[in-house]
Protein backbone atom coordinates (compact mmCIF):
# COMPACT_ATOMS: atom_id res chain seq x y z
CA UNK A 1 -5.59 6.01 15.81
CA UNK A 2 -5.80 8.77 13.16
CA UNK A 3 -2.53 7.70 11.52
CA UNK A 4 -3.70 3.97 11.34
CA UNK A 5 -7.06 5.14 9.92
CA UNK A 6 -5.12 7.25 7.18
CA UNK A 7 -2.88 4.09 6.61
CA UNK A 8 -5.99 1.97 6.01
CA UNK A 9 -7.69 4.16 3.68
CA UNK A 10 -4.66 4.51 1.56
CA UNK A 11 -3.81 0.54 1.67
CA UNK A 12 -7.57 0.24 0.60
CA UNK A 13 -6.63 1.28 -3.03
CA UNK A 14 -4.31 -1.35 -3.18
CA UNK A 15 -6.82 -4.21 -4.07
CA UNK A 16 -8.06 -1.75 -6.88
CA UNK A 17 -4.56 -1.69 -8.42
CA UNK A 18 -4.29 -5.34 -7.87
CA UNK A 19 -7.47 -5.86 -9.96
CA UNK A 20 -6.13 -3.56 -12.70
CA UNK A 21 -2.44 -4.30 -12.86
CA UNK A 22 -1.69 -7.67 -11.49
CA UNK A 23 -4.63 -9.85 -12.00
CA UNK A 24 -5.09 -9.78 -15.69
CA UNK A 25 -1.34 -11.50 -15.87
CA UNK A 26 -1.91 -13.94 -13.16
CA UNK A 27 -2.11 -17.67 -14.62
CA UNK A 28 -5.44 -18.28 -13.17
CA UNK A 29 -8.63 -19.85 -14.71
CA UNK A 30 -11.31 -17.17 -15.96
CA UNK A 31 -13.56 -18.66 -12.92
CA UNK A 32 -10.90 -18.06 -10.31
CA UNK A 33 -10.23 -14.58 -11.61
CA UNK A 34 -14.15 -13.85 -11.36
CA UNK A 35 -14.30 -14.97 -7.81
CA UNK A 36 -11.21 -13.05 -6.91
CA UNK A 37 -12.59 -9.76 -8.11
CA UNK A 38 -15.65 -9.48 -5.91
CA UNK A 39 -13.47 -10.52 -3.08
CA UNK A 40 -11.00 -7.87 -3.76
CA UNK A 41 -13.57 -5.36 -4.02
CA UNK A 42 -15.10 -6.44 -0.66
CA UNK A 43 -11.64 -6.13 0.97
CA UNK A 44 -11.21 -2.91 -0.38
CA UNK A 45 -14.32 -1.44 0.82
CA UNK A 46 -14.04 -3.21 4.29
CA UNK A 47 -10.56 -1.63 4.71
CA UNK A 48 -11.58 1.91 3.73
CA UNK A 49 -14.59 2.02 6.25
CA UNK A 50 -12.40 0.83 8.80
CA UNK A 51 -10.25 3.58 8.25
CA UNK A 52 -12.92 6.06 7.62
CA UNK A 53 -14.36 4.93 11.21
CA UNK A 54 -10.82 5.64 13.06
CA UNK A 55 -10.03 9.00 11.40
CA UNK A 56 -13.41 10.49 12.36
CA UNK A 57 -16.37 12.33 10.47
CA UNK A 58 -14.29 15.38 10.17
CA UNK A 59 -11.45 14.03 8.42
CA UNK A 60 -13.53 11.96 6.06
CA UNK A 61 -15.41 15.38 5.25
CA UNK A 62 -12.50 17.16 4.32
CA UNK A 63 -11.04 14.48 2.14
CA UNK A 64 -14.57 14.11 0.45
CA UNK A 65 -14.19 18.03 -0.24
CA UNK A 66 -10.78 17.45 -1.89
CA UNK A 67 -12.20 14.38 -4.16
CA UNK A 68 -15.13 16.38 -5.21
CA UNK A 69 -15.28 16.65 -9.01
CA UNK A 70 -15.97 20.43 -8.82
CA UNK A 71 -13.04 21.10 -6.54
CA UNK A 72 -10.74 18.93 -8.88
CA UNK A 73 -12.10 20.71 -11.96
CA UNK A 74 -10.88 24.03 -10.16
CA UNK A 75 -7.43 22.69 -9.26
CA UNK A 76 -7.21 21.52 -12.99
CA UNK A 77 -8.04 24.97 -14.29
CA UNK A 78 -5.51 26.49 -11.84
CA UNK A 79 -2.97 24.15 -13.12
CA UNK A 80 -3.49 24.77 -16.76
CA UNK A 81 -3.38 28.70 -16.30
CA UNK A 82 -0.29 28.32 -14.35
CA UNK A 83 1.50 26.17 -17.12
CA UNK A 84 0.12 28.24 -19.87
CA UNK A 85 2.05 31.17 -18.48
CA UNK A 86 5.28 29.49 -18.52
CA UNK A 87 5.33 28.88 -22.31
């Protein structure tokens, strides 16, 4: 069940990519695109929360830690330091 949940969480990012990459280049009217954007947002959220329910509270908390801005900043500083030593 956890693998399905993780798969759903990963798949939930596809509507966001579709909005950013595919939707501007589709030959639809502006009104149709305006209706498609909220539909894709709702779809992404529903898929994400279904996946989060399947993986459980512990896994979601662990991934929230990895996506925390402070943690990402620390990782970026470590990466920067590591790459500075190479050159």
